[in-house]
Amino acid sequence: MKSTPLSLVEESLCVPATDQSHKIPWAEATHMKVRVGWSVPRVRLNAVIEGEYTVMEPAALADRWLALCFLPLLQPADVRCLSRQAGSFAREGAMLLVLLPDEILQDPEQRLKFQKLTVPLLTDPLNRLHRAYGIRRPPSLKAITFLIDPQRILRHHVVHDLNMWSMDSLRGLMNFNQRAANLKNTCHLKEGATNVVRAS
C-alpha cells in the first residue's frame, strides 16, 4: 500500500466526503455503519474526566471538530501523548475523545492512573458507539480514529499507531479540512457580494 501524503500513518484511510464508493479494507471496519460523508449519531456520552465519572451532553460537543479515538488499552506513554495532544487539539478548536474498553475504567486502580488526564475517556457499556462505528470489541492493537466536522459529518477514518507523530498527522489532516471549509465559505461570500452589486 502506498503511503498517503495527508495522513502519514500506516494503514490510513483518507477519503473525501463526496466519495461513497471507497471500500474499507481493514477487518475492524468491515461492518462500519457510519461511512465517510455520512452524519454521525448525536448521543449522550458517559465519560471519565480526571478520574471522575460524568455525562457529556451533545451540546457540549457542538460547533467543533471531534477526534474520536478507539483504543484497546492505555499505557503510561500513551497518557503522556494524549495529555499533550489534547491541548493541541483544543487550541485548534477541536476536542480529542478516547474510548477505552469498559473493564479498564471500571477498575478503581486503573482510574487512579488517569486522574491528571484531561482527555474525556468514554465508556460504552451498551456497545452503542462500537455498533454505530462498526468497531469490533476489543479493537486491534492499533488506534482507530474518526475525524468528525462541526456539522457532525464523518470526514476521515484512520487506523494508526498511538504516538506523537501519528497524532500530529491527524491534526494536520483536520487542519487541511478546516482550511478547505474556510476557503469555500470565503468564495461563497465573495460570490454573494458580486451578485448584490450586479443586482443594483
C-alpha atoms as a PDB file:
ATOM      1  CA  MET A   1       0.000   0.000   0.000  1.00  0.00           C
ATOM      2  CA  LYS A   2       1.356   3.414  -0.917  1.00  0.00           C
ATOM      3  CA  SER A   3       1.672   5.946   1.875  1.00  0.00           C
ATOM      4  CA  THR A   4      -0.917   8.703   1.997  1.00  0.00           C
ATOM      5  CA  PRO A   5       0.633  12.196   1.873  1.00  0.00           C
ATOM      6  CA  LEU A   6      -2.002  13.705   4.186  1.00  0.00           C
ATOM      7  CA  SER A   7      -2.147  11.159   6.983  1.00  0.00           C
ATOM      8  CA  LEU A   8       1.451   9.924   7.037  1.00  0.00           C
ATOM      9  CA  VAL A   9       0.325   6.916   9.052  1.00  0.00           C
ATOM     10  CA  GLU A  10       0.368   3.213   8.320  1.00  0.00           C
ATOM     11  CA  GLU A  11      -2.899   1.734   7.032  1.00  0.00           C
ATOM     12  CA  SER A  12      -4.703   5.050   6.768  1.00  0.00           C
ATOM     13  CA  LEU A  13      -7.955   5.830   5.000  1.00  0.00           C
ATOM     14  CA  CYS A  14      -8.350   9.427   3.880  1.00  0.00           C
ATOM     15  CA  VAL A  15     -11.421   9.655   1.668  1.00  0.00           C
ATOM     16  CA  PRO A  16     -13.111  12.911   0.586  1.00  0.00           C
ATOM     17  CA  ALA A  17     -16.630  13.201   1.909  1.00  0.00           C
ATOM     18  CA  THR A  18     -18.033  13.036  -1.637  1.00  0.00           C
ATOM     19  CA  ASP A  19     -16.552   9.597  -2.287  1.00  0.00           C
ATOM     20  CA  GLN A  20     -19.135   6.999  -1.222  1.00  0.00           C
ATOM     21  CA  SER A  21     -17.717   4.164  -3.338  1.00  0.00           C
ATOM     22  CA  HIS A  22     -14.464   3.531  -1.465  1.00  0.00           C
ATOM     23  CA  LYS A  23     -14.360   0.162   0.304  1.00  0.00           C
ATOM     24  CA  ILE A  24     -12.642  -0.032   3.693  1.00  0.00           C
ATOM     25  CA  PRO A  25     -10.096  -2.888   3.706  1.00  0.00           C
ATOM     26  CA  TRP A  26      -9.420  -3.476   7.401  1.00  0.00           C
ATOM     27  CA  ALA A  27     -11.058  -6.168   9.492  1.00  0.00           C
ATOM     28  CA  GLU A  28     -12.024  -3.728  12.257  1.00  0.00           C
ATOM     29  CA  ALA A  29     -14.066  -1.633   9.816  1.00  0.00           C
ATOM     30  CA  THR A  30     -15.701  -4.267   7.622  1.00  0.00           C
ATOM     31  CA  HIS A  31     -19.044  -3.716   9.357  1.00  0.00           C
ATOM     32  CA  MET A  32     -18.783   0.041   9.764  1.00  0.00           C
ATOM     33  CA  LYS A  33     -22.273   1.575   9.666  1.00  0.00           C
ATOM     34  CA  VAL A  34     -21.241   5.234   9.673  1.00  0.00           C
ATOM     35  CA  ARG A  35     -19.498   5.939   6.376  1.00  0.00           C
ATOM     36  CA  VAL A  36     -17.246   8.797   5.333  1.00  0.00           C
ATOM     37  CA  GLY A  37     -19.540  11.640   4.292  1.00  0.00           C
ATOM     38  CA  TRP A  38     -22.437  10.476   6.494  1.00  0.00           C
ATOM     39  CA  SER A  39     -23.829  12.105   9.641  1.00  0.00           C
ATOM     40  CA  VAL A  40     -22.746  10.529  12.928  1.00  0.00           C
ATOM     41  CA  PRO A  41     -25.078   9.801  15.891  1.00  0.00           C
ATOM     42  CA  ARG A  42     -25.653  12.614  18.404  1.00  0.00           C
ATOM     43  CA  VAL A  43     -25.790  10.868  21.765  1.00  0.00           C
ATOM     44  CA  ARG A  44     -25.085  11.466  25.431  1.00  0.00           C
ATOM     45  CA  LEU A  45     -21.666  10.130  26.340  1.00  0.00           C
ATOM     46  CA  ASN A  46     -20.608   8.552  29.616  1.00  0.00           C
ATOM     47  CA  ALA A  47     -17.064   9.627  30.375  1.00  0.00           C
ATOM     48  CA  VAL A  48     -14.315   9.653  32.966  1.00  0.00           C
ATOM     49  CA  ILE A  49     -12.518  13.012  33.221  1.00  0.00           C
ATOM     50  CA  GLU A  50      -9.653  13.401  35.684  1.00  0.00           C
ATOM     51  CA  GLY A  51     -10.705  10.154  37.352  1.00  0.00           C
ATOM     52  CA  GLU A  52     -14.353  11.144  37.896  1.00  0.00           C
ATOM     53  CA  TYR A  53     -17.465   9.861  36.120  1.00  0.00           C
ATOM     54  CA  THR A  54     -19.561  12.420  34.242  1.00  0.00           C
ATOM     55  CA  VAL A  55     -22.040  12.704  31.368  1.00  0.00           C
ATOM     56  CA  MET A  56     -21.290  14.731  28.229  1.00  0.00           C
ATOM     57  CA  GLU A  57     -24.362  16.152  26.509  1.00  0.00           C
ATOM     58  CA  PRO A  58     -24.408  16.561  22.686  1.00  0.00           C
ATOM     59  CA  ALA A  59     -24.468  20.356  23.159  1.00  0.00           C
ATOM     60  CA  ALA A  60     -21.043  20.186  24.825  1.00  0.00           C
ATOM     61  CA  LEU A  61     -19.600  18.784  21.598  1.00  0.00           C
ATOM     62  CA  ALA A  62     -21.331  21.195  19.214  1.00  0.00           C
ATOM     63  CA  ASP A  63     -19.611  23.570  16.765  1.00  0.00           C
ATOM     64  CA  ARG A  64     -16.191  21.955  16.905  1.00  0.00           C
ATOM     65  CA  TRP A  65     -14.170  19.235  15.267  1.00  0.00           C
ATOM     66  CA  LEU A  66     -14.011  15.909  17.105  1.00  0.00           C
ATOM     67  CA  ALA A  67     -11.349  13.235  17.014  1.00  0.00           C
ATOM     68  CA  LEU A  68     -12.970  10.057  18.350  1.00  0.00           C
ATOM     69  CA  CYS A  69     -10.224   7.556  19.095  1.00  0.00           C
ATOM     70  CA  PHE A  70     -10.916   3.880  19.925  1.00  0.00           C
ATOM     71  CA  LEU A  71      -8.078   2.312  21.928  1.00  0.00           C
ATOM     72  CA  PRO A  72      -7.600  -1.267  23.185  1.00  0.00           C
ATOM     73  CA  LEU A  73      -5.545  -0.157  26.226  1.00  0.00           C
ATOM     74  CA  LEU A  74      -3.714   2.830  27.679  1.00  0.00           C
ATOM     75  CA  GLN A  75      -0.049   2.678  28.659  1.00  0.00           C
ATOM     76  CA  PRO A  76       1.813   5.385  30.653  1.00  0.00           C
ATOM     77  CA  ALA A  77       3.462   6.618  27.450  1.00  0.00           C
ATOM     78  CA  ASP A  78       0.019   6.852  25.839  1.00  0.00           C
ATOM     79  CA  VAL A  79      -1.231   9.006  28.730  1.00  0.00           C
ATOM     80  CA  ARG A  80       1.619  11.474  28.194  1.00  0.00           C
ATOM     81  CA  CYS A  81       0.969  11.568  24.455  1.00  0.00           C
ATOM     82  CA  LEU A  82      -2.764  12.150  24.857  1.00  0.00           C
ATOM     83  CA  SER A  83      -2.239  14.856  27.502  1.00  0.00           C
ATOM     84  CA  ARG A  84      -0.065  16.858  25.136  1.00  0.00           C
ATOM     85  CA  GLN A  85      -2.300  16.267  22.135  1.00  0.00           C
ATOM     86  CA  ALA A  86      -5.470  17.294  23.991  1.00  0.00           C
ATOM     87  CA  GLY A  87      -4.092  20.810  24.392  1.00  0.00           C
ATOM     88  CA  SER A  88      -3.010  20.954  20.753  1.00  0.00           C
ATOM     89  CA  PHE A  89      -6.452  19.899  19.526  1.00  0.00           C
ATOM     90  CA  ALA A  90      -8.157  22.392  21.877  1.00  0.00           C
ATOM     91  CA  ARG A  91      -6.039  25.293  20.594  1.00  0.00           C
ATOM     92  CA  GLU A  92      -7.292  24.497  17.110  1.00  0.00           C
ATOM     93  CA  GLY A  93     -10.947  24.470  18.107  1.00  0.00           C
ATOM     94  CA  ALA A  94     -11.255  20.683  18.335  1.00  0.00           C
ATOM     95  CA  MET A  95     -11.773  18.058  21.031  1.00  0.00           C
ATOM     96  CA  LEU A  96      -9.992  14.741  21.423  1.00  0.00           C
ATOM     97  CA  LEU A  97     -12.175  11.918  22.781  1.00  0.00           C
ATOM     98  CA  VAL A  98     -10.833   8.470  23.723  1.00  0.00           C
ATOM     99  CA  LEU A  99     -12.948   5.345  24.031  1.00  0.00           C
ATOM    100  CA  LEU A 100     -11.440   2.552  26.140  1.00  0.00           C
ATOM    101  CA  PRO A 101     -12.742  -0.940  26.979  1.00  0.00           C
ATOM    102  CA  ASP A 102     -15.154  -0.637  29.912  1.00  0.00           C
ATOM    103  CA  GLU A 103     -13.244  -3.090  32.079  1.00  0.00           C
ATOM    104  CA  ILE A 104     -10.320  -0.647  32.226  1.00  0.00           C
ATOM    105  CA  LEU A 105     -12.397   2.265  33.520  1.00  0.00           C
ATOM    106  CA  GLN A 106     -14.370   0.059  35.922  1.00  0.00           C
ATOM    107  CA  ASP A 107     -11.160  -0.785  37.778  1.00  0.00           C
ATOM    108  CA  PRO A 108     -10.577   1.852  40.534  1.00  0.00           C
ATOM    109  CA  GLU A 109      -6.814   1.294  40.422  1.00  0.00           C
ATOM    110  CA  GLN A 110      -6.782   1.923  36.682  1.00  0.00           C
ATOM    111  CA  ARG A 111      -8.852   5.108  37.058  1.00  0.00           C
ATOM    112  CA  LEU A 112      -6.314   6.471  39.538  1.00  0.00           C
ATOM    113  CA  LYS A 113      -3.724   6.424  36.761  1.00  0.00           C
ATOM    114  CA  PHE A 114      -5.870   8.813  34.728  1.00  0.00           C
ATOM    115  CA  GLN A 115      -6.539  11.469  37.394  1.00  0.00           C
ATOM    116  CA  LYS A 116      -4.330  14.031  35.670  1.00  0.00           C
ATOM    117  CA  LEU A 117      -5.588  13.201  32.188  1.00  0.00           C
ATOM    118  CA  THR A 118      -7.975  15.904  30.949  1.00  0.00           C
ATOM    119  CA  VAL A 119      -8.936  13.962  27.813  1.00  0.00           C
ATOM    120  CA  PRO A 120     -12.502  12.599  28.182  1.00  0.00           C
ATOM    121  CA  LEU A 121     -12.266   8.805  28.443  1.00  0.00           C
ATOM    122  CA  LEU A 122     -15.545   7.451  27.122  1.00  0.00           C
ATOM    123  CA  THR A 123     -17.304   4.311  28.284  1.00  0.00           C
ATOM    124  CA  ASP A 124     -19.644   2.273  26.104  1.00  0.00           C
ATOM    125  CA  PRO A 125     -21.418  -0.228  28.410  1.00  0.00           C
ATOM    126  CA  LEU A 126     -24.262  -0.873  25.939  1.00  0.00           C
ATOM    127  CA  ASN A 127     -21.879  -1.113  22.978  1.00  0.00           C
ATOM    128  CA  ARG A 128     -23.772   1.640  21.121  1.00  0.00           C
ATOM    129  CA  LEU A 129     -20.736   3.519  19.843  1.00  0.00           C
ATOM    130  CA  HIS A 130     -18.987   0.320  18.824  1.00  0.00           C
ATOM    131  CA  ARG A 131     -22.049  -0.750  16.842  1.00  0.00           C
ATOM    132  CA  ALA A 132     -22.560   2.683  15.284  1.00  0.00           C
ATOM    133  CA  TYR A 133     -18.970   2.869  14.078  1.00  0.00           C
ATOM    134  CA  GLY A 134     -18.659  -0.831  13.331  1.00  0.00           C
ATOM    135  CA  ILE A 135     -15.773  -1.431  15.708  1.00  0.00           C
ATOM    136  CA  ARG A 136     -15.326  -4.959  16.965  1.00  0.00           C
ATOM    137  CA  ARG A 137     -14.635  -5.364  20.668  1.00  0.00           C
ATOM    138  CA  PRO A 138     -11.858  -5.314  21.591  1.00  0.00           C
ATOM    139  CA  PRO A 139     -10.221  -3.380  18.715  1.00  0.00           C
ATOM    140  CA  SER A 140      -6.822  -4.305  17.349  1.00  0.00           C
ATOM    141  CA  LEU A 141      -3.597  -3.129  18.959  1.00  0.00           C
ATOM    142  CA  LYS A 142      -3.732  -0.037  16.770  1.00  0.00           C
ATOM    143  CA  ALA A 143      -5.755   3.093  17.427  1.00  0.00           C
ATOM    144  CA  ILE A 144      -8.823   3.663  15.262  1.00  0.00           C
ATOM    145  CA  THR A 145      -9.733   7.346  14.938  1.00  0.00           C
ATOM    146  CA  PHE A 146     -12.705   9.071  13.319  1.00  0.00           C
ATOM    147  CA  LEU A 147     -12.445  12.771  12.398  1.00  0.00           C
ATOM    148  CA  ILE A 148     -15.846  14.476  12.593  1.00  0.00           C
ATOM    149  CA  ASP A 149     -16.527  18.043  11.441  1.00  0.00           C
ATOM    150  CA  PRO A 150     -18.675  20.664  13.280  1.00  0.00           C
ATOM    151  CA  GLN A 151     -21.726  19.650  11.212  1.00  0.00           C
ATOM    152  CA  ARG A 152     -21.300  16.113  12.602  1.00  0.00           C
ATOM    153  CA  ILE A 153     -20.213  14.699   9.238  1.00  0.00           C
ATOM    154  CA  LEU A 154     -17.607  11.931   9.324  1.00  0.00           C
ATOM    155  CA  ARG A 155     -14.691  13.191   7.227  1.00  0.00           C
ATOM    156  CA  HIS A 156     -11.956  10.616   7.770  1.00  0.00           C
ATOM    157  CA  HIS A 157     -11.335   7.208   9.292  1.00  0.00           C
ATOM    158  CA  VAL A 158      -7.721   6.350  10.155  1.00  0.00           C
ATOM    159  CA  VAL A 159      -6.048   3.249  11.626  1.00  0.00           C
ATOM    160  CA  HIS A 160      -2.720   4.212  13.192  1.00  0.00           C
ATOM    161  CA  ASP A 161      -0.197   3.743  15.980  1.00  0.00           C
ATOM    162  CA  LEU A 162      -0.660   5.933  19.031  1.00  0.00           C
ATOM    163  CA  ASN A 163       2.333   8.260  19.115  1.00  0.00           C
ATOM    164  CA  MET A 164       3.064  11.972  18.747  1.00  0.00           C
ATOM    165  CA  TRP A 165       3.883  11.672  15.049  1.00  0.00           C
ATOM    166  CA  SER A 166       0.643   9.975  14.080  1.00  0.00           C
ATOM    167  CA  MET A 167      -1.451  12.324  16.239  1.00  0.00           C
ATOM    168  CA  ASP A 168       0.277  15.346  14.697  1.00  0.00           C
ATOM    169  CA  SER A 169      -0.604  13.880  11.310  1.00  0.00           C
ATOM    170  CA  LEU A 170      -4.243  13.583  12.332  1.00  0.00           C
ATOM    171  CA  ARG A 171      -4.284  17.238  13.322  1.00  0.00           C
ATOM    172  CA  GLY A 172      -2.651  18.105  10.011  1.00  0.00           C
ATOM    173  CA  LEU A 173      -5.426  16.246   8.219  1.00  0.00           C
ATOM    174  CA  MET A 174      -8.012  18.134  10.257  1.00  0.00           C
ATOM    175  CA  ASN A 175      -6.293  21.456   9.524  1.00  0.00           C
ATOM    176  CA  PHE A 176      -6.410  20.703   5.803  1.00  0.00           C
ATOM    177  CA  ASN A 177     -10.173  20.215   6.011  1.00  0.00           C
ATOM    178  CA  GLN A 178     -10.600  23.348   8.123  1.00  0.00           C
ATOM    179  CA  ARG A 179      -8.719  25.460   5.574  1.00  0.00           C
ATOM    180  CA  ALA A 180     -10.737  23.960   2.731  1.00  0.00           C
ATOM    181  CA  ALA A 181     -14.004  24.776   4.528  1.00  0.00           C
ATOM    182  CA  ASN A 182     -12.864  28.344   5.247  1.00  0.00           C
ATOM    183  CA  LEU A 183     -11.860  28.835   1.613  1.00  0.00           C
ATOM    184  CA  LYS A 184     -15.226  27.544   0.448  1.00  0.00           C
ATOM    185  CA  ASN A 185     -17.060  29.921   2.797  1.00  0.00           C
ATOM    186  CA  THR A 186     -14.930  32.842   1.605  1.00  0.00           C
ATOM    187  CA  CYS A 187     -15.722  32.042  -2.016  1.00  0.00           C
ATOM    188  CA  HIS A 188     -19.441  31.912  -1.240  1.00  0.00           C
ATOM    189  CA  LEU A 189     -19.282  35.309   0.496  1.00  0.00           C
ATOM    190  CA  LYS A 190     -17.464  36.880  -2.449  1.00  0.00           C
ATOM    191  CA  GLU A 191     -19.951  35.349  -4.894  1.00  0.00           C
ATOM    192  CA  GLY A 192     -22.849  36.738  -2.849  1.00  0.00           C
ATOM    193  CA  ALA A 193     -21.305  40.210  -2.748  1.00  0.00           C
ATOM    194  CA  THR A 194     -20.824  40.158  -6.531  1.00  0.00           C
ATOM    195  CA  ASN A 195     -24.453  39.202  -7.055  1.00  0.00           C
ATOM    196  CA  VAL A 196     -25.604  42.104  -4.853  1.00  0.00           C
ATOM    197  CA  VAL A 197     -23.525  44.596  -6.872  1.00  0.00           C
ATOM    198  CA  ARG A 198     -24.900  43.262 -10.149  1.00  0.00           C
ATOM    199  CA  ALA A 199     -28.468  43.432  -8.865  1.00  0.00           C
ATOM    200  CA  SER A 200     -28.056  47.093  -8.007  1.00  0.00           C
END
